[in-house]
Amino acid sequence: MVKGKKLIVSLCLFLCVPTQIFAEEDSRSEKERLIVQSYGISSEFASDLTDNDLEKLLAKEPRLKSNKDEYFKLVHLINDDNQKMRSFSEDSTNTVVTKVTREEALNEIAKEMQSEISTQSVGDSKTTTTSWLRLETNMTYYNTNGQVSVRFQWLKNAYYNKEDILAIGLSNNVAPLNNTASFVHKTDTYNPLNMDWREYTENNATLRYHPGGVTAQFNLFSPAMNYRDERGYLSFTVKPRESGKWTLNSFYDTLGYYRHQEKVFSISPSVSIPIGGSLSLNQQDKFSEVDSFAQLQYK
């Protein structure tokens, strides 16, 4: 009888462990589904949330929400003419940023992946390189405070890998709460030994709180191995600037900013908030500017 009981216990332990693991996986998946439903963010955004951020969002019931998921095409015109001397202050790269639809972005990326034709003509001193950026801006208000977030994703690896800036600006009737910001930076790297893609995370950033919002300065990844889907997000808590509660029928704005650094050192990127706030970045490099905007009326 004793041996029989031991056998039953062993079988139970063997069978119960996988069940528990799957239950934990299902729990995370279910939590992400609830976040997507409650906050209106994309499933990709929910998947990137840290466990702590996920639990923090689940702990409150949103009253109002607004989410903008937008796609941008960045065309870099690079002047490679080395026949004349250039000064550091002279621009050798010009970038045109255009907002496009999701379908247009994905279709053009697919065409670029299939084509091996160079964009540079014989004898031409100028080359065009195209990058694709996804920017998702979310604002969610509760009864007494709120949560704002902006997520970026390079749909095709960035043209230049150095220090970039992710920021959130607020209208003048909203204030950020200090020490509430969360920054996450991820990419998928290819492991040739196992021939698979693995997620890599490194959340190093310089966070600065301003009267009009928060900025995160961080270095883009530059791994020796293949990588894709470089992405990240900035999120923090906000409150009414003048009173302890939101004003009925008032409009509140959240502006998502991405500043992609180029090789040329010349001018400072301006991040102005026409509604009334301000973000001082104190940078002296040239940046491509990508902006997003979300608004809600408190009712």
Protein backbone atom coordinates (compact mmCIF):
# COMPACT_ATOMS: atom_id res chain seq x y z
CA MET A 1 0.00 0.00 0.00
CA VAL A 2 2.84 2.40 0.83
CA LYS A 3 4.45 1.81 -2.54
CA GLY A 4 1.10 2.44 -4.22
CA LYS A 5 0.67 5.76 -2.44
CA LYS A 6 4.20 6.86 -3.43
CA LEU A 7 3.44 5.99 -7.06
CA ILE A 8 0.23 8.06 -7.00
CA VAL A 9 2.03 11.02 -5.43
CA SER A 10 4.83 10.81 -8.03
CA LEU A 11 2.35 10.71 -10.89
CA CYS A 12 0.49 13.67 -9.44
CA LEU A 13 3.69 15.73 -9.18
CA PHE A 14 4.67 14.80 -12.72
CA LEU A 15 1.28 15.72 -14.17
CA CYS A 16 0.59 18.81 -12.06
CA VAL A 17 3.79 20.72 -12.83
CA PRO A 18 3.13 21.20 -16.58
CA THR A 19 -0.46 22.16 -15.76
CA GLN A 20 0.77 24.91 -13.42
CA ILE A 21 3.21 26.24 -16.03
CA PHE A 22 0.49 26.39 -18.67
CA ALA A 23 -1.82 28.10 -16.17
CA GLU A 24 0.77 30.84 -15.63
CA GLU A 25 1.17 31.32 -19.37
CA ASP A 26 -2.59 31.50 -19.82
CA SER A 27 -2.76 34.02 -16.98
CA ARG A 28 -0.30 36.39 -18.68
CA SER A 29 -2.13 36.00 -22.00
CA GLU A 30 -5.47 36.70 -20.36
CA LYS A 31 -4.10 39.78 -18.60
CA GLU A 32 -2.79 41.14 -21.91
CA ARG A 33 -6.19 40.56 -23.48
CA LEU A 34 -7.88 42.52 -20.69
CA ILE A 35 -5.39 45.39 -21.06
CA VAL A 36 -6.01 45.58 -24.82
CA GLN A 37 -9.74 45.65 -24.19
CA SER A 38 -9.64 48.19 -21.33
CA TYR A 39 -6.95 50.58 -22.57
CA GLY A 40 -7.32 50.27 -26.33
CA ILE A 41 -3.62 49.60 -26.92
CA SER A 42 -2.33 47.14 -29.51
CA SER A 43 -1.59 43.51 -28.65
CA GLU A 44 2.09 44.19 -29.44
CA PHE A 45 2.14 46.97 -26.85
CA ALA A 46 0.48 44.73 -24.24
CA SER A 47 3.00 41.96 -24.95
CA ASP A 48 5.93 44.33 -24.33
CA LEU A 49 4.63 45.51 -20.94
CA THR A 50 6.69 44.47 -17.94
CA ASP A 51 4.91 42.37 -15.34
CA ASN A 52 4.95 45.35 -12.98
CA ASP A 53 3.42 47.72 -15.54
CA LEU A 54 0.85 45.11 -16.51
CA GLU A 55 -0.27 44.68 -12.90
CA LYS A 56 -0.33 48.44 -12.33
CA LEU A 57 -2.68 48.95 -15.28
CA LEU A 58 -4.91 46.06 -14.24
CA ALA A 59 -5.29 47.51 -10.74
CA LYS A 60 -7.36 50.45 -11.99
CA GLU A 61 -10.53 50.83 -14.00
CA PRO A 62 -10.15 53.31 -16.90
CA ARG A 63 -12.81 55.95 -17.24
CA LEU A 64 -11.75 57.44 -20.59
CA LYS A 65 -9.14 56.43 -23.14
CA SER A 66 -7.69 57.54 -26.46
CA ASN A 67 -5.17 55.60 -28.57
CA LYS A 68 -3.35 56.55 -31.77
CA ASP A 69 -1.43 53.86 -33.67
CA GLU A 70 0.41 55.53 -36.57
CA TYR A 71 3.04 54.66 -39.18
CA PHE A 72 5.76 56.87 -40.64
CA LYS A 73 8.08 56.68 -43.61
CA LEU A 74 11.51 58.30 -43.15
CA VAL A 75 13.39 58.89 -46.41
CA HIS A 76 17.02 59.83 -45.84
CA LEU A 77 18.83 61.58 -48.69
CA ILE A 78 22.54 61.05 -48.09
CA ASN A 79 25.09 63.18 -49.93
CA ASP A 80 28.25 61.09 -50.43
CA ASP A 81 30.17 63.67 -52.46
CA ASN A 82 33.71 63.63 -51.05
CA GLN A 83 35.25 65.75 -53.80
CA LYS A 84 35.03 68.90 -51.74
CA MET A 85 35.84 69.67 -48.14
CA ARG A 86 32.89 69.81 -45.78
CA SER A 87 32.53 71.55 -42.46
CA PHE A 88 30.91 69.84 -39.48
CA SER A 89 28.07 72.34 -39.52
CA GLU A 90 27.08 71.57 -43.10
CA ASP A 91 24.26 69.11 -43.57
CA SER A 92 25.07 65.97 -45.55
CA THR A 93 21.80 64.22 -44.75
CA ASN A 94 18.25 65.41 -45.29
CA THR A 95 15.25 63.46 -44.06
CA VAL A 96 11.63 63.68 -45.13
CA VAL A 97 9.06 62.22 -42.72
CA THR A 98 5.66 61.20 -44.12
CA LYS A 99 2.72 59.67 -42.28
CA VAL A 100 1.40 56.58 -44.08
CA THR A 101 -1.23 53.92 -43.49
CA ARG A 102 -0.40 50.59 -41.89
CA GLU A 103 -1.14 48.79 -45.16
CA GLU A 104 1.13 51.09 -47.16
CA ALA A 105 3.98 50.66 -44.70
CA LEU A 106 3.79 46.87 -44.59
CA ASN A 107 3.36 46.54 -48.36
CA GLU A 108 6.34 48.77 -49.16
CA ILE A 109 8.53 46.99 -46.60
CA ALA A 110 7.64 43.66 -48.22
CA LYS A 111 8.61 45.04 -51.64
CA GLU A 112 11.92 46.34 -50.30
CA MET A 113 12.70 42.94 -48.78
CA GLN A 114 12.16 41.28 -52.17
CA SER A 115 14.13 43.83 -54.18
CA GLU A 116 17.91 43.88 -54.32
CA ILE A 117 18.16 46.87 -56.66
CA SER A 118 20.40 49.63 -55.30
CA THR A 119 18.89 53.09 -54.82
CA GLN A 120 22.15 54.69 -55.94
CA SER A 121 22.77 55.38 -59.63
CA VAL A 122 26.18 54.99 -61.25
CA GLY A 123 28.10 58.23 -60.86
CA ASP A 124 25.47 59.66 -58.54
CA SER A 125 26.66 61.21 -55.28
CA LYS A 126 23.33 60.90 -53.52
CA THR A 127 21.75 57.80 -51.99
CA THR A 128 18.29 57.40 -50.51
CA THR A 129 17.64 55.09 -47.59
CA THR A 130 14.18 54.44 -46.19
CA SER A 131 13.27 53.63 -42.58
CA TRP A 132 9.84 52.75 -41.21
CA LEU A 133 8.68 53.73 -37.74
CA ARG A 134 5.51 52.84 -35.83
CA LEU A 135 4.46 55.22 -33.05
CA GLU A 136 1.59 54.41 -30.68
CA THR A 137 0.38 57.07 -28.24
CA ASN A 138 -2.09 56.23 -25.48
CA MET A 139 -3.79 58.34 -22.84
CA THR A 140 -6.05 56.79 -20.23
CA TYR A 141 -7.76 58.76 -17.45
CA TYR A 142 -9.19 57.46 -14.20
CA ASN A 143 -11.30 59.43 -11.73
CA THR A 144 -8.41 61.33 -10.08
CA ASN A 145 -5.31 60.76 -12.22
CA GLY A 146 -4.25 59.10 -15.46
CA GLN A 147 -1.63 57.10 -17.37
CA VAL A 148 0.05 58.22 -20.61
CA SER A 149 2.31 56.10 -22.82
CA VAL A 150 4.12 56.17 -26.13
CA ARG A 151 5.55 53.10 -27.86
CA PHE A 152 7.91 53.03 -30.84
CA GLN A 153 8.80 50.19 -33.17
CA TRP A 154 11.25 50.18 -36.05
CA LEU A 155 9.50 48.06 -38.68
CA LYS A 156 12.77 48.05 -40.57
CA ASN A 157 16.04 48.58 -38.71
CA ALA A 158 16.87 52.25 -38.17
CA TYR A 159 19.10 54.01 -40.69
CA TYR A 160 21.53 55.22 -38.03
CA ASN A 161 22.23 53.76 -34.58
CA LYS A 162 23.10 56.28 -31.94
CA GLU A 163 21.27 58.15 -29.17
CA ASP A 164 17.57 58.73 -29.82
CA ILE A 165 14.89 60.47 -27.79
CA LEU A 166 11.41 59.23 -26.86
CA ALA A 167 9.21 61.80 -25.14
CA ILE A 168 5.68 62.60 -24.03
CA GLY A 169 4.37 66.17 -23.90
CA LEU A 170 1.25 67.27 -22.03
CA SER A 171 -1.21 70.12 -22.38
CA ASN A 172 -0.88 72.92 -19.82
CA ASN A 173 -3.74 71.57 -17.68
CA VAL A 174 -1.93 68.26 -17.04
CA ALA A 175 1.20 67.58 -14.96
CA PRO A 176 3.49 64.51 -14.79
CA LEU A 177 4.00 62.77 -11.46
CA ASN A 178 7.68 62.47 -10.56
CA ASN A 179 9.24 59.02 -10.09
CA THR A 180 6.43 57.22 -11.93
CA ALA A 181 8.06 56.81 -15.36
CA SER A 182 8.77 53.38 -16.82
CA PHE A 183 11.04 52.87 -19.86
CA VAL A 184 11.43 49.60 -21.77
CA HIS A 185 13.73 48.86 -24.74
CA LYS A 186 13.67 45.53 -26.61
CA THR A 187 14.70 43.82 -29.81
CA ASP A 188 14.69 40.28 -31.24
CA THR A 189 18.13 38.82 -32.02
CA TYR A 190 18.91 35.81 -34.18
CA ASN A 191 20.79 32.91 -32.61
CA PRO A 192 22.60 31.03 -35.41
CA LEU A 193 23.35 28.07 -33.13
CA ASN A 194 19.71 27.34 -32.45
CA MET A 195 18.46 29.05 -35.61
CA ASP A 196 15.78 31.00 -33.73
CA TRP A 197 14.90 34.53 -32.65
CA ARG A 198 15.15 35.51 -29.00
CA GLU A 199 13.98 38.62 -27.20
CA TYR A 200 16.68 40.88 -25.79
CA THR A 201 15.95 43.67 -23.29
CA GLU A 202 18.12 46.54 -22.09
CA ASN A 203 16.26 49.35 -20.38
CA ASN A 204 19.06 51.87 -19.94
CA ALA A 205 17.89 55.45 -20.50
CA THR A 206 18.30 58.93 -19.08
CA LEU A 207 14.86 59.99 -17.84
CA ARG A 208 14.12 63.67 -17.30
CA TYR A 209 10.98 65.18 -15.83
CA HIS A 210 9.90 68.55 -17.23
CA PRO A 211 6.92 70.80 -16.40
CA GLY A 212 5.38 69.70 -19.70
CA GLY A 213 6.18 65.98 -19.68
CA VAL A 214 9.00 63.41 -19.60
CA THR A 215 11.88 62.58 -21.97
CA ALA A 216 13.92 59.38 -22.30
CA GLN A 217 17.31 59.51 -24.03
CA PHE A 218 18.66 56.09 -25.01
CA ASN A 219 21.04 54.36 -27.40
CA LEU A 220 19.66 52.26 -30.23
CA PHE A 221 20.95 48.69 -30.36
CA SER A 222 23.94 47.86 -32.52
CA PRO A 223 24.40 44.10 -32.06
CA ALA A 224 26.91 42.02 -33.98
CA MET A 225 24.20 39.49 -34.88
CA ASN A 226 21.05 39.95 -36.92
CA TYR A 227 18.21 41.73 -35.15
CA ARG A 228 14.70 42.97 -35.91
CA ASP A 229 11.67 44.73 -34.40
CA GLU A 230 13.60 47.15 -32.21
CA ARG A 231 10.98 48.68 -29.97
CA GLY A 232 10.29 50.29 -26.63
CA TYR A 233 7.91 52.42 -24.64
CA LEU A 234 7.76 55.27 -22.14
CA SER A 235 4.90 55.47 -19.65
CA PHE A 236 4.11 57.56 -16.56
CA THR A 237 1.29 58.80 -14.33
CA VAL A 238 -0.32 62.23 -14.74
CA LYS A 239 -2.63 64.38 -12.63
CA PRO A 240 -4.64 67.61 -13.03
CA ARG A 241 -2.21 70.53 -12.82
CA GLU A 242 -4.33 72.99 -10.87
CA SER A 243 -6.85 70.94 -8.90
CA GLY A 244 -7.32 67.50 -7.45
CA LYS A 245 -9.74 66.32 -10.10
CA TRP A 246 -10.36 66.50 -13.81
CA THR A 247 -12.72 69.20 -15.06
CA LEU A 248 -15.87 68.01 -16.79
CA ASN A 249 -16.08 68.80 -20.52
CA SER A 250 -12.44 69.99 -20.61
CA PHE A 251 -10.04 68.79 -23.32
CA TYR A 252 -6.75 67.11 -22.41
CA ASP A 253 -3.92 66.37 -24.82
CA THR A 254 -1.01 63.95 -24.99
CA LEU A 255 1.74 64.32 -27.59
CA GLY A 256 4.11 61.47 -28.43
CA TYR A 257 7.54 62.43 -29.75
CA TYR A 258 10.32 60.41 -31.36
CA ARG A 259 13.59 62.07 -32.32
CA HIS A 260 15.87 59.93 -34.49
CA GLN A 261 19.45 61.15 -34.55
CA GLU A 262 21.32 61.58 -37.82
CA LYS A 263 25.07 61.62 -38.39
CA VAL A 264 25.35 65.35 -38.78
CA PHE A 265 25.99 67.63 -35.83
CA SER A 266 24.40 70.98 -36.47
CA ILE A 267 21.17 72.07 -34.80
CA SER A 268 19.21 71.34 -31.68
CA PRO A 269 15.93 69.41 -32.04
CA SER A 270 13.02 71.53 -30.92
CA VAL A 271 10.21 69.81 -29.08
CA SER A 272 7.62 72.52 -28.63
CA ILE A 273 4.18 71.94 -27.21
CA PRO A 274 1.79 74.51 -28.66
CA ILE A 275 -0.80 73.80 -25.98
CA GLY A 276 1.41 75.30 -23.30
CA GLY A 277 3.97 72.83 -21.99
CA SER A 278 7.65 72.63 -22.79
CA LEU A 279 10.34 69.96 -23.12
CA SER A 280 13.98 71.02 -23.04
CA LEU A 281 16.19 68.31 -24.53
CA ASN A 282 19.58 70.06 -24.43
CA GLN A 283 20.90 68.21 -27.48
CA GLN A 284 23.13 69.60 -30.22
CA ASP A 285 22.72 66.90 -32.86
CA LYS A 286 20.45 66.87 -35.88
CA PHE A 287 17.30 64.75 -35.51
CA SER A 288 14.48 63.49 -37.69
CA GLU A 289 11.23 64.46 -35.97
CA VAL A 290 8.20 62.17 -35.69
CA ASP A 291 5.13 63.31 -33.73
CA SER A 292 1.83 61.79 -32.67
CA PHE A 293 -1.20 63.34 -30.97
CA ALA A 294 -4.03 62.01 -28.77
CA GLN A 295 -6.86 63.97 -27.19
CA LEU A 296 -9.90 63.27 -25.04
CA GLN A 297 -12.71 65.28 -23.47
CA TYR A 298 -13.39 64.43 -19.85
CA LYS A 299 -17.03 63.49 -19.36
